Amino acid sequence: MAIVEEGQLKESFRGFHNRDTVFEFYGGGKWRQNEYKYFYYYAYMPQARVVDDQGGYRLEVDGMGESVEVVRVR
């Protein structure tokens, strides 16, 4: 799995919710959750990465044991 983007997420992170959830990195990258998956986890500006997972992208957040499918918004 290759890392596509890595860094710190902006503001408070409250886990995964639905397809309207958008995650923004301080470097400017924006990614939208692309599957329904609810998993609550609170962290303030956590480190995260988007990885290329066999043609799709997954968001991994430090401290969580879960990841979620995402698509690039910009």
N, C-alpha and C. Protein backbone atom coordinates (compact mmCIF):
# COMPACT_ATOMS: atom_id res chain seq x y z
N MET A 1 0.85 -1.19 0.00
CA MET A 1 0.00 0.00 0.00
C MET A 1 0.89 1.24 0.00
N ALA A 2 0.69 2.09 -0.98
CA ALA A 2 1.46 3.32 -1.09
C ALA A 2 0.71 4.46 -0.40
N ILE A 3 1.46 5.34 0.28
CA ILE A 3 0.86 6.50 0.92
C ILE A 3 0.64 7.58 -0.12
N VAL A 4 -0.60 8.07 -0.22
CA VAL A 4 -0.98 9.10 -1.18
C VAL A 4 -0.88 10.48 -0.54
N GLU A 5 -1.29 10.59 0.71
CA GLU A 5 -1.21 11.84 1.46
C GLU A 5 -1.03 11.50 2.93
N GLU A 6 -0.24 12.30 3.60
CA GLU A 6 0.02 12.05 5.02
C GLU A 6 0.21 13.39 5.72
N GLY A 7 -0.29 13.48 6.95
CA GLY A 7 -0.14 14.72 7.70
C GLY A 7 -1.13 14.80 8.84
N GLN A 8 -1.42 16.02 9.22
CA GLN A 8 -2.30 16.27 10.35
C GLN A 8 -3.67 16.72 9.85
N LEU A 9 -4.73 16.14 10.41
CA LEU A 9 -6.08 16.56 10.05
C LEU A 9 -6.41 17.86 10.76
N LYS A 10 -7.20 18.71 10.10
CA LYS A 10 -7.60 19.99 10.70
C LYS A 10 -8.64 19.77 11.78
N GLU A 11 -8.50 20.53 12.84
CA GLU A 11 -9.48 20.63 13.91
C GLU A 11 -9.81 19.31 14.59
N SER A 12 -11.00 19.21 15.15
CA SER A 12 -11.39 18.02 15.90
C SER A 12 -11.83 16.90 14.96
N PHE A 13 -11.35 15.71 15.23
CA PHE A 13 -11.74 14.52 14.49
C PHE A 13 -12.69 13.73 15.36
N ARG A 14 -13.84 13.34 14.82
CA ARG A 14 -14.85 12.62 15.61
C ARG A 14 -15.20 11.27 15.00
N GLY A 15 -14.27 10.70 14.25
CA GLY A 15 -14.47 9.36 13.72
C GLY A 15 -15.14 9.34 12.36
N PHE A 16 -15.62 8.17 12.01
CA PHE A 16 -16.26 7.94 10.72
C PHE A 16 -17.77 7.95 10.91
N HIS A 17 -18.49 8.51 9.92
CA HIS A 17 -19.94 8.61 10.07
C HIS A 17 -20.68 8.14 8.82
N ASN A 18 -20.71 8.98 7.79
CA ASN A 18 -21.46 8.61 6.58
C ASN A 18 -20.78 9.22 5.36
N ARG A 19 -21.40 9.09 4.21
CA ARG A 19 -20.79 9.55 2.96
C ARG A 19 -20.70 11.07 2.84
N ASP A 20 -21.25 11.81 3.78
CA ASP A 20 -21.14 13.28 3.77
C ASP A 20 -19.96 13.77 4.60
N THR A 21 -19.28 12.87 5.29
CA THR A 21 -18.19 13.25 6.17
C THR A 21 -16.95 13.59 5.33
N VAL A 22 -16.39 14.78 5.56
CA VAL A 22 -15.20 15.24 4.83
C VAL A 22 -14.06 15.40 5.83
N PHE A 23 -12.88 14.95 5.41
CA PHE A 23 -11.68 15.05 6.22
C PHE A 23 -10.70 15.97 5.49
N GLU A 24 -10.15 16.97 6.20
CA GLU A 24 -9.25 17.93 5.56
C GLU A 24 -7.90 17.92 6.25
N PHE A 25 -6.85 17.81 5.44
CA PHE A 25 -5.48 17.85 5.94
C PHE A 25 -4.98 19.29 5.96
N TYR A 26 -4.02 19.60 6.85
CA TYR A 26 -3.43 20.94 6.88
C TYR A 26 -2.72 21.27 5.58
N GLY A 27 -2.27 20.27 4.82
CA GLY A 27 -1.62 20.52 3.54
C GLY A 27 -2.59 20.92 2.45
N GLY A 28 -3.90 20.88 2.73
CA GLY A 28 -4.91 21.32 1.78
C GLY A 28 -5.73 20.20 1.17
N GLY A 29 -5.30 18.95 1.30
CA GLY A 29 -6.06 17.84 0.73
C GLY A 29 -7.38 17.62 1.44
N LYS A 30 -8.43 17.37 0.66
CA LYS A 30 -9.75 17.09 1.21
C LYS A 30 -10.22 15.75 0.68
N TRP A 31 -10.73 14.92 1.58
CA TRP A 31 -11.21 13.59 1.23
C TRP A 31 -12.58 13.38 1.84
N ARG A 32 -13.48 12.74 1.07
CA ARG A 32 -14.84 12.45 1.54
C ARG A 32 -14.98 10.96 1.78
N GLN A 33 -15.62 10.62 2.87
CA GLN A 33 -15.89 9.22 3.18
C GLN A 33 -16.77 8.63 2.09
N ASN A 34 -16.43 7.42 1.60
CA ASN A 34 -17.13 6.85 0.46
C ASN A 34 -17.84 5.54 0.80
N GLU A 35 -18.07 5.28 2.05
CA GLU A 35 -18.83 4.10 2.48
C GLU A 35 -19.51 4.45 3.80
N TYR A 36 -20.65 3.80 4.06
CA TYR A 36 -21.27 4.02 5.35
C TYR A 36 -20.55 3.17 6.37
N LYS A 37 -19.95 3.84 7.33
CA LYS A 37 -19.25 3.14 8.41
C LYS A 37 -19.24 4.09 9.60
N TYR A 38 -19.89 3.68 10.69
CA TYR A 38 -19.91 4.52 11.87
C TYR A 38 -18.94 3.95 12.89
N PHE A 39 -17.99 4.81 13.28
CA PHE A 39 -17.03 4.43 14.31
C PHE A 39 -16.60 5.71 15.00
N TYR A 40 -17.04 5.92 16.25
CA TYR A 40 -16.73 7.16 16.96
C TYR A 40 -15.36 7.07 17.60
N TYR A 41 -14.58 8.12 17.38
CA TYR A 41 -13.25 8.24 18.00
C TYR A 41 -12.92 9.72 18.03
N TYR A 42 -12.64 10.27 19.20
CA TYR A 42 -12.32 11.69 19.28
C TYR A 42 -10.81 11.88 19.39
N ALA A 43 -10.30 12.81 18.59
CA ALA A 43 -8.90 13.22 18.67
C ALA A 43 -8.82 14.64 18.14
N TYR A 44 -7.95 15.45 18.73
CA TYR A 44 -7.78 16.82 18.26
C TYR A 44 -6.57 16.88 17.33
N MET A 45 -6.80 17.20 16.08
CA MET A 45 -5.79 17.32 15.03
C MET A 45 -4.86 16.09 14.96
N PRO A 46 -5.43 14.90 14.78
CA PRO A 46 -4.59 13.69 14.76
C PRO A 46 -3.77 13.56 13.47
N GLN A 47 -2.72 12.78 13.55
CA GLN A 47 -1.94 12.41 12.37
C GLN A 47 -2.75 11.36 11.60
N ALA A 48 -2.71 11.45 10.27
CA ALA A 48 -3.48 10.52 9.45
C ALA A 48 -2.78 10.33 8.12
N ARG A 49 -3.23 9.33 7.38
CA ARG A 49 -2.69 9.08 6.05
C ARG A 49 -3.76 8.48 5.17
N VAL A 50 -3.67 8.77 3.88
CA VAL A 50 -4.52 8.14 2.87
C VAL A 50 -3.61 7.20 2.11
N VAL A 51 -4.02 5.94 2.01
CA VAL A 51 -3.21 4.93 1.32
C VAL A 51 -3.98 4.40 0.11
N ASP A 52 -3.22 4.05 -0.93
CA ASP A 52 -3.78 3.44 -2.13
C ASP A 52 -3.92 1.95 -1.82
N ASP A 53 -5.15 1.48 -1.80
CA ASP A 53 -5.44 0.10 -1.44
C ASP A 53 -6.07 -0.62 -2.63
N GLN A 54 -5.24 -1.14 -3.51
CA GLN A 54 -5.68 -1.89 -4.69
C GLN A 54 -6.64 -1.06 -5.55
N GLY A 55 -6.24 0.15 -5.87
CA GLY A 55 -7.03 1.00 -6.75
C GLY A 55 -8.02 1.92 -6.06
N GLY A 56 -8.29 1.69 -4.79
CA GLY A 56 -9.15 2.58 -4.01
C GLY A 56 -8.30 3.26 -2.95
N TYR A 57 -8.89 4.18 -2.22
CA TYR A 57 -8.15 4.91 -1.19
C TYR A 57 -8.80 4.69 0.17
N ARG A 58 -7.96 4.57 1.20
CA ARG A 58 -8.44 4.37 2.56
C ARG A 58 -7.76 5.39 3.47
N LEU A 59 -8.55 5.95 4.39
CA LEU A 59 -8.03 6.87 5.39
C LEU A 59 -7.73 6.08 6.66
N GLU A 60 -6.51 6.24 7.16
CA GLU A 60 -6.09 5.64 8.42
C GLU A 60 -5.73 6.78 9.36
N VAL A 61 -6.24 6.73 10.58
CA VAL A 61 -5.99 7.78 11.57
C VAL A 61 -5.25 7.15 12.75
N ASP A 62 -4.17 7.80 13.19
CA ASP A 62 -3.39 7.28 14.31
C ASP A 62 -4.28 7.09 15.53
N GLY A 63 -4.12 5.96 16.19
CA GLY A 63 -4.89 5.66 17.40
C GLY A 63 -6.14 4.85 17.15
N MET A 64 -6.53 4.71 15.87
CA MET A 64 -7.72 3.94 15.53
C MET A 64 -7.30 2.60 14.95
N GLY A 65 -8.07 1.58 15.19
CA GLY A 65 -7.82 0.29 14.59
C GLY A 65 -8.64 0.08 13.33
N GLU A 66 -9.36 1.09 12.90
CA GLU A 66 -10.26 1.01 11.75
C GLU A 66 -9.77 1.98 10.68
N SER A 67 -10.13 1.69 9.44
CA SER A 67 -9.90 2.63 8.34
C SER A 67 -11.20 2.72 7.54
N VAL A 68 -11.27 3.72 6.65
CA VAL A 68 -12.49 3.91 5.88
C VAL A 68 -12.13 4.27 4.44
N GLU A 69 -12.98 3.84 3.50
CA GLU A 69 -12.79 4.17 2.10
C GLU A 69 -13.11 5.66 1.88
N VAL A 70 -12.24 6.34 1.12
CA VAL A 70 -12.43 7.76 0.84
C VAL A 70 -12.20 8.05 -0.64
N VAL A 71 -12.71 9.20 -1.10
CA VAL A 71 -12.44 9.71 -2.44
C VAL A 71 -11.96 11.15 -2.29
N ARG A 72 -11.09 11.56 -3.22
CA ARG A 72 -10.54 12.92 -3.16
C ARG A 72 -11.61 13.94 -3.54
N VAL A 73 -11.70 15.01 -2.75
CA VAL A 73 -12.60 16.11 -3.05
C VAL A 73 -11.80 17.20 -3.78
N ARG A 74 -10.59 17.44 -3.31
CA ARG A 74 -9.66 18.36 -4.01
C ARG A 74 -8.27 18.10 -3.55
